[in-house]
């Protein structure tokens, strides 16, 4: 009786344990396969992403070439996803941030500011 009961119990356990997970994975696999087929046929994805490529830099008001080179070397470009309304409200080249660095002026006597501009608008 033990010889029949243990395999029966193991089969019962294995078949009933992950049915929900297997069904979910099969559904996800079908959706992904459909998306791959659509992309191979040249169809555009239904979910459009609006991305802004921003340029952030710090600038100093000085005659020091060293400070200007440091500001140039430390400037960065990065991309962030945004919603359609914000994407439509900004233009390429528009300054989003132009803020004077008051703390550096008080503590170090440094005249400088942060600038963030929209470098590029991307739709994917």
N, C-alpha and C. Protein backbone atom coordinates (compact mmCIF):
# COMPACT_ATOMS: atom_id res chain seq x y z
N UNK A 1 0.81 -1.17 0.00
CA UNK A 1 0.00 0.00 0.00
C UNK A 1 0.87 1.26 0.00
N UNK A 2 2.00 1.25 0.74
CA UNK A 2 2.89 2.39 0.77
C UNK A 2 3.46 2.67 -0.61
N UNK A 3 3.71 1.62 -1.40
CA UNK A 3 4.30 1.80 -2.72
C UNK A 3 3.34 2.54 -3.65
N UNK A 4 2.08 2.35 -3.50
CA UNK A 4 1.10 3.01 -4.35
C UNK A 4 0.78 4.40 -3.81
N UNK A 5 0.73 4.55 -2.51
CA UNK A 5 0.32 5.79 -1.89
C UNK A 5 1.33 6.93 -2.09
N UNK A 6 2.64 6.66 -1.93
CA UNK A 6 3.65 7.70 -2.04
C UNK A 6 3.72 8.29 -3.46
N UNK A 7 3.78 7.49 -4.53
CA UNK A 7 3.78 8.10 -5.87
C UNK A 7 2.48 8.86 -6.15
N UNK A 8 1.35 8.33 -5.69
CA UNK A 8 0.08 9.01 -5.89
C UNK A 8 0.09 10.37 -5.19
N UNK A 9 0.60 10.40 -3.96
CA UNK A 9 0.68 11.64 -3.19
C UNK A 9 1.63 12.64 -3.87
N UNK A 10 2.75 12.17 -4.37
CA UNK A 10 3.72 13.04 -5.05
C UNK A 10 3.12 13.63 -6.32
N UNK A 11 2.42 12.82 -7.11
CA UNK A 11 1.79 13.31 -8.35
C UNK A 11 0.71 14.32 -8.02
N UNK A 12 -0.09 14.03 -7.02
CA UNK A 12 -1.14 14.94 -6.61
C UNK A 12 -0.55 16.28 -6.16
N UNK A 13 0.52 16.22 -5.39
CA UNK A 13 1.18 17.44 -4.89
C UNK A 13 1.76 18.26 -6.03
N UNK A 14 2.45 17.62 -6.96
CA UNK A 14 3.10 18.32 -8.06
C UNK A 14 2.10 18.93 -9.04
N UNK A 15 1.00 18.25 -9.28
CA UNK A 15 0.03 18.78 -10.25
C UNK A 15 -0.84 19.88 -9.68
N UNK A 16 -1.06 19.90 -8.39
CA UNK A 16 -1.95 20.91 -7.82
C UNK A 16 -1.21 22.12 -7.24
N UNK A 17 0.10 22.05 -7.13
CA UNK A 17 0.86 23.06 -6.41
C UNK A 17 0.96 24.38 -7.18
N UNK A 18 1.35 24.36 -8.44
CA UNK A 18 1.68 25.58 -9.16
C UNK A 18 0.79 25.82 -10.37
N UNK A 19 -0.42 25.34 -10.38
CA UNK A 19 -1.29 25.53 -11.52
C UNK A 19 -1.57 27.00 -11.81
N UNK A 20 -1.81 27.81 -10.78
CA UNK A 20 -2.09 29.22 -10.98
C UNK A 20 -0.87 29.95 -11.54
N UNK A 21 0.30 29.64 -11.02
CA UNK A 21 1.53 30.26 -11.51
C UNK A 21 1.80 29.86 -12.95
N UNK A 22 1.60 28.60 -13.28
CA UNK A 22 1.83 28.13 -14.64
C UNK A 22 0.87 28.81 -15.61
N UNK A 23 -0.38 28.95 -15.22
CA UNK A 23 -1.35 29.63 -16.07
C UNK A 23 -0.96 31.09 -16.29
N UNK A 24 -0.53 31.76 -15.23
CA UNK A 24 -0.11 33.15 -15.34
C UNK A 24 1.09 33.29 -16.27
N UNK A 25 2.06 32.40 -16.12
CA UNK A 25 3.25 32.45 -16.97
C UNK A 25 2.91 32.16 -18.43
N UNK A 26 1.98 31.25 -18.66
CA UNK A 26 1.56 30.95 -20.03
C UNK A 26 0.89 32.17 -20.67
N UNK A 27 0.05 32.88 -19.90
CA UNK A 27 -0.60 34.08 -20.41
C UNK A 27 0.42 35.17 -20.72
N UNK A 28 1.38 35.38 -19.81
CA UNK A 28 2.42 36.38 -20.05
C UNK A 28 3.25 36.02 -21.27
N UNK A 29 3.55 34.73 -21.43
CA UNK A 29 4.31 34.27 -22.58
C UNK A 29 3.55 34.54 -23.87
N UNK A 30 2.25 34.32 -23.87
CA UNK A 30 1.44 34.57 -25.07
C UNK A 30 1.42 36.05 -25.41
N UNK A 31 1.30 36.92 -24.40
CA UNK A 31 1.29 38.37 -24.63
C UNK A 31 2.63 38.82 -25.20
N UNK A 32 3.72 38.34 -24.60
CA UNK A 32 5.05 38.72 -25.08
C UNK A 32 5.31 38.19 -26.49
N UNK A 33 4.86 36.99 -26.79
CA UNK A 33 5.01 36.45 -28.14
C UNK A 33 4.25 37.29 -29.15
N UNK A 34 3.07 37.77 -28.78
CA UNK A 34 2.29 38.63 -29.67
C UNK A 34 2.99 39.97 -29.89
N UNK A 35 3.56 40.52 -28.83
CA UNK A 35 4.29 41.78 -28.95
C UNK A 35 5.51 41.62 -29.86
N UNK A 36 6.22 40.51 -29.74
CA UNK A 36 7.38 40.26 -30.61
C UNK A 36 6.94 40.14 -32.05
N UNK A 37 5.86 39.42 -32.29
CA UNK A 37 5.35 39.27 -33.66
C UNK A 37 4.93 40.62 -34.23
N UNK A 38 4.28 41.46 -33.43
CA UNK A 38 3.87 42.79 -33.89
C UNK A 38 5.08 43.65 -34.25
N UNK A 39 6.11 43.60 -33.41
CA UNK A 39 7.31 44.39 -33.68
C UNK A 39 8.03 43.91 -34.94
N UNK A 40 8.05 42.60 -35.16
CA UNK A 40 8.70 42.06 -36.36
C UNK A 40 7.94 42.45 -37.62
N UNK A 41 6.64 42.66 -37.51
CA UNK A 41 5.84 43.08 -38.66
C UNK A 41 5.88 44.59 -38.85
N UNK A 42 6.52 45.30 -37.97
CA UNK A 42 6.66 46.74 -38.10
C UNK A 42 5.55 47.53 -37.44
N UNK A 43 4.72 46.90 -36.67
CA UNK A 43 3.67 47.63 -35.96
C UNK A 43 4.27 48.38 -34.78
N UNK A 44 3.74 49.56 -34.51
CA UNK A 44 4.23 50.32 -33.36
C UNK A 44 3.53 49.85 -32.10
N UNK A 45 4.23 49.87 -30.98
CA UNK A 45 3.60 49.46 -29.72
C UNK A 45 2.47 50.41 -29.35
N UNK A 46 1.49 49.88 -28.66
CA UNK A 46 0.33 50.69 -28.28
C UNK A 46 0.67 51.69 -27.17
N UNK A 47 1.61 51.38 -26.34
CA UNK A 47 1.97 52.26 -25.23
C UNK A 47 3.11 53.17 -25.68
N UNK A 48 2.82 54.46 -25.84
CA UNK A 48 3.80 55.43 -26.27
C UNK A 48 4.48 56.03 -25.05
N UNK A 49 5.80 56.17 -25.11
CA UNK A 49 6.55 56.77 -24.02
C UNK A 49 7.06 58.13 -24.46
N UNK A 50 6.88 59.12 -23.61
CA UNK A 50 7.36 60.47 -23.86
C UNK A 50 8.57 60.70 -22.96
N UNK A 51 9.71 60.99 -23.58
CA UNK A 51 10.97 61.09 -22.84
C UNK A 51 11.61 62.44 -23.14
N UNK A 52 12.09 63.09 -22.09
CA UNK A 52 12.85 64.32 -22.23
C UNK A 52 14.31 64.02 -21.95
N UNK A 53 15.17 64.44 -22.86
CA UNK A 53 16.61 64.35 -22.62
C UNK A 53 17.04 65.71 -22.11
N UNK A 54 17.54 65.74 -20.88
CA UNK A 54 17.89 66.98 -20.20
C UNK A 54 19.39 67.14 -20.09
N UNK A 55 19.82 68.38 -20.10
CA UNK A 55 21.24 68.72 -19.91
C UNK A 55 21.35 69.54 -18.63
N UNK A 56 22.12 69.04 -17.67
CA UNK A 56 22.30 69.70 -16.38
C UNK A 56 23.75 70.14 -16.25
N UNK A 57 23.93 71.41 -15.92
CA UNK A 57 25.30 71.90 -15.73
C UNK A 57 25.32 72.98 -14.66
N UNK A 58 26.49 73.18 -14.14
CA UNK A 58 26.74 74.23 -13.18
C UNK A 58 27.64 75.24 -13.88
N UNK A 59 27.38 76.50 -13.67
CA UNK A 59 28.25 77.50 -14.29
C UNK A 59 28.65 78.53 -13.24
N UNK A 60 29.87 79.02 -13.38
CA UNK A 60 30.41 80.01 -12.46
C UNK A 60 30.65 81.32 -13.21
N UNK A 61 30.48 82.42 -12.53
CA UNK A 61 30.80 83.73 -13.09
C UNK A 61 32.19 84.10 -12.59
N UNK A 62 33.19 83.72 -13.39
CA UNK A 62 34.56 84.02 -12.99
C UNK A 62 35.43 84.07 -14.23
N UNK A 63 36.65 84.49 -14.04
CA UNK A 63 37.62 84.52 -15.13
C UNK A 63 38.54 83.30 -15.11
N UNK A 64 38.29 82.37 -14.19
CA UNK A 64 39.13 81.18 -14.04
C UNK A 64 38.78 80.14 -15.12
N UNK A 65 39.74 79.84 -15.94
CA UNK A 65 39.55 78.81 -16.97
C UNK A 65 39.37 77.45 -16.31
N UNK A 66 40.03 77.22 -15.20
CA UNK A 66 39.93 75.96 -14.49
C UNK A 66 38.48 75.70 -14.05
N UNK A 67 37.81 76.71 -13.52
CA UNK A 67 36.42 76.53 -13.09
C UNK A 67 35.51 76.25 -14.29
N UNK A 68 35.73 76.92 -15.40
CA UNK A 68 34.90 76.69 -16.58
C UNK A 68 35.12 75.30 -17.17
N UNK A 69 36.36 74.82 -17.15
CA UNK A 69 36.65 73.47 -17.62
C UNK A 69 36.02 72.43 -16.70
N UNK A 70 36.08 72.70 -15.40
CA UNK A 70 35.47 71.78 -14.43
C UNK A 70 33.96 71.73 -14.62
N UNK A 71 33.33 72.88 -14.84
CA UNK A 71 31.89 72.92 -15.08
C UNK A 71 31.52 72.14 -16.34
N UNK A 72 32.31 72.31 -17.39
CA UNK A 72 32.04 71.59 -18.64
C UNK A 72 32.19 70.08 -18.45
N UNK A 73 33.23 69.67 -17.74
CA UNK A 73 33.49 68.24 -17.53
C UNK A 73 32.43 67.60 -16.64
N UNK A 74 31.85 68.36 -15.73
CA UNK A 74 30.87 67.82 -14.80
C UNK A 74 29.43 67.92 -15.30
N UNK A 75 29.21 68.50 -16.46
CA UNK A 75 27.84 68.58 -16.98
C UNK A 75 27.40 67.19 -17.44
N UNK A 76 26.10 66.92 -17.29
CA UNK A 76 25.59 65.59 -17.64
C UNK A 76 24.31 65.72 -18.46
N UNK A 77 24.06 64.69 -19.27
CA UNK A 77 22.80 64.54 -19.99
C UNK A 77 22.12 63.30 -19.45
N UNK A 78 20.81 63.37 -19.25
CA UNK A 78 20.06 62.21 -18.80
C UNK A 78 18.65 62.28 -19.34
N UNK A 79 17.99 61.14 -19.36
CA UNK A 79 16.64 61.04 -19.89
C UNK A 79 15.66 60.70 -18.77
N UNK A 80 14.48 61.31 -18.82
CA UNK A 80 13.43 60.98 -17.87
C UNK A 80 12.11 60.83 -18.63
N UNK A 81 11.30 59.85 -18.24
CA UNK A 81 9.97 59.74 -18.85
C UNK A 81 9.02 60.75 -18.21
N UNK A 82 8.17 61.35 -19.03
CA UNK A 82 7.20 62.32 -18.55
C UNK A 82 5.84 62.02 -19.18
N UNK A 83 4.80 62.63 -18.64
CA UNK A 83 3.48 62.44 -19.24
C UNK A 83 3.31 63.35 -20.46
N UNK A 84 2.31 63.07 -21.26
CA UNK A 84 2.11 63.76 -22.53
C UNK A 84 1.88 65.26 -22.34
N UNK A 85 1.13 65.66 -21.32
CA UNK A 85 0.83 67.06 -21.09
C UNK A 85 2.12 67.86 -20.83
N UNK A 86 2.99 67.33 -19.98
CA UNK A 86 4.25 68.03 -19.71
C UNK A 86 5.15 68.02 -20.93
N UNK A 87 5.17 66.91 -21.66
CA UNK A 87 5.97 66.78 -22.86
C UNK A 87 5.58 67.86 -23.88
N UNK A 88 4.28 68.09 -24.02
CA UNK A 88 3.80 69.09 -24.97
C UNK A 88 4.02 70.52 -24.48
N UNK A 89 4.16 70.71 -23.16
CA UNK A 89 4.27 72.06 -22.61
C UNK A 89 5.69 72.64 -22.69
N UNK A 90 6.70 71.80 -22.91
CA UNK A 90 8.08 72.30 -22.99
C UNK A 90 8.59 72.22 -24.42
N UNK A 91 9.60 73.03 -24.70
CA UNK A 91 10.20 73.06 -26.04
C UNK A 91 11.68 72.73 -25.92
N UNK A 92 12.26 72.25 -27.02
CA UNK A 92 13.70 71.98 -27.02
C UNK A 92 14.45 73.29 -26.83
N UNK A 93 15.46 73.25 -25.95
CA UNK A 93 16.25 74.44 -25.66
C UNK A 93 15.70 75.26 -24.50
N UNK A 94 14.52 74.92 -24.01
CA UNK A 94 13.91 75.68 -22.91
C UNK A 94 14.63 75.39 -21.59
N UNK A 95 14.86 76.44 -20.81
CA UNK A 95 15.47 76.28 -19.48
C UNK A 95 14.40 75.87 -18.48
N UNK A 96 14.63 74.76 -17.81
CA UNK A 96 13.70 74.32 -16.76
C UNK A 96 14.14 74.84 -15.40
N UNK A 97 15.45 74.91 -15.19
CA UNK A 97 16.00 75.40 -13.92
C UNK A 97 17.12 76.38 -14.24
N UNK A 98 17.09 77.51 -13.62
CA UNK A 98 18.17 78.49 -13.70
C UNK A 98 18.25 79.14 -12.33
N UNK A 99 18.92 78.46 -11.41
CA UNK A 99 18.86 78.84 -10.01
C UNK A 99 20.24 79.28 -9.50
N UNK A 100 20.27 80.44 -8.89
CA UNK A 100 21.49 80.97 -8.28
C UNK A 100 21.84 80.16 -7.04
N UNK A 101 23.12 79.85 -6.88
CA UNK A 101 23.59 79.05 -5.74
C UNK A 101 23.92 79.99 -4.58
N UNK A 102 22.91 80.31 -3.80
CA UNK A 102 23.04 81.29 -2.72
C UNK A 102 23.98 80.80 -1.61
N UNK A 103 23.91 79.51 -1.28
CA UNK A 103 24.76 78.96 -0.22
C UNK A 103 26.24 79.07 -0.55
N UNK A 104 26.61 78.80 -1.78
CA UNK A 104 28.01 78.93 -2.19
C UNK A 104 28.45 80.39 -2.18
N UNK A 105 27.53 81.29 -2.51
CA UNK A 105 27.87 82.71 -2.46
C UNK A 105 28.15 83.16 -1.03
N UNK A 106 27.31 82.75 -0.09
CA UNK A 106 27.47 83.17 1.30
C UNK A 106 28.71 82.54 1.93
N UNK A 107 28.90 81.24 1.71
CA UNK A 107 30.00 80.53 2.38
C UNK A 107 31.35 80.73 1.69
N UNK A 108 31.37 80.76 0.37
CA UNK A 108 32.65 80.77 -0.35
C UNK A 108 32.85 81.99 -1.24
N UNK A 109 31.84 82.82 -1.38
CA UNK A 109 31.96 83.98 -2.25
C UNK A 109 31.95 83.60 -3.72
N UNK A 110 31.38 82.45 -4.03
CA UNK A 110 31.36 81.94 -5.40
C UNK A 110 30.05 82.36 -6.07
N UNK A 111 30.17 82.97 -7.25
CA UNK A 111 29.00 83.32 -8.04
C UNK A 111 28.76 82.21 -9.06
N UNK A 112 27.68 81.48 -8.88
CA UNK A 112 27.39 80.41 -9.81
C UNK A 112 25.92 80.04 -9.77
N UNK A 113 25.53 79.21 -10.74
CA UNK A 113 24.14 78.77 -10.77
C UNK A 113 24.04 77.40 -11.44
N UNK A 114 22.86 76.79 -11.25
CA UNK A 114 22.52 75.53 -11.90
C UNK A 114 21.66 75.85 -13.11
N UNK A 115 21.91 75.15 -14.20
CA UNK A 115 21.07 75.29 -15.38
C UNK A 115 20.65 73.90 -15.84
N UNK A 116 19.36 73.76 -16.10
CA UNK A 116 18.86 72.52 -16.67
C UNK A 116 18.02 72.90 -17.89
N UNK A 117 18.41 72.35 -19.04
CA UNK A 117 17.72 72.64 -20.30
C UNK A 117 17.18 71.37 -20.92
N UNK A 118 16.12 71.51 -21.69
CA UNK A 118 15.61 70.41 -22.49
C UNK A 118 16.48 70.30 -23.72
N UNK A 119 17.22 69.21 -23.81
CA UNK A 119 18.13 69.04 -24.95
C UNK A 119 17.41 68.42 -26.13
N UNK A 120 16.52 67.45 -25.84
CA UNK A 120 15.84 66.75 -26.92
C UNK A 120 14.53 66.16 -26.41
N UNK A 121 13.54 66.10 -27.28
CA UNK A 121 12.27 65.48 -26.95
C UNK A 121 12.17 64.19 -27.79
N UNK A 122 11.91 63.07 -27.09
CA UNK A 122 11.91 61.75 -27.75
C UNK A 122 10.57 61.08 -27.52
N UNK A 123 10.02 60.49 -28.57
CA UNK A 123 8.81 59.68 -28.46
C UNK A 123 9.17 58.26 -28.84
N UNK A 124 8.94 57.33 -27.96
CA UNK A 124 9.23 55.90 -28.24
C UNK A 124 7.97 55.10 -28.15
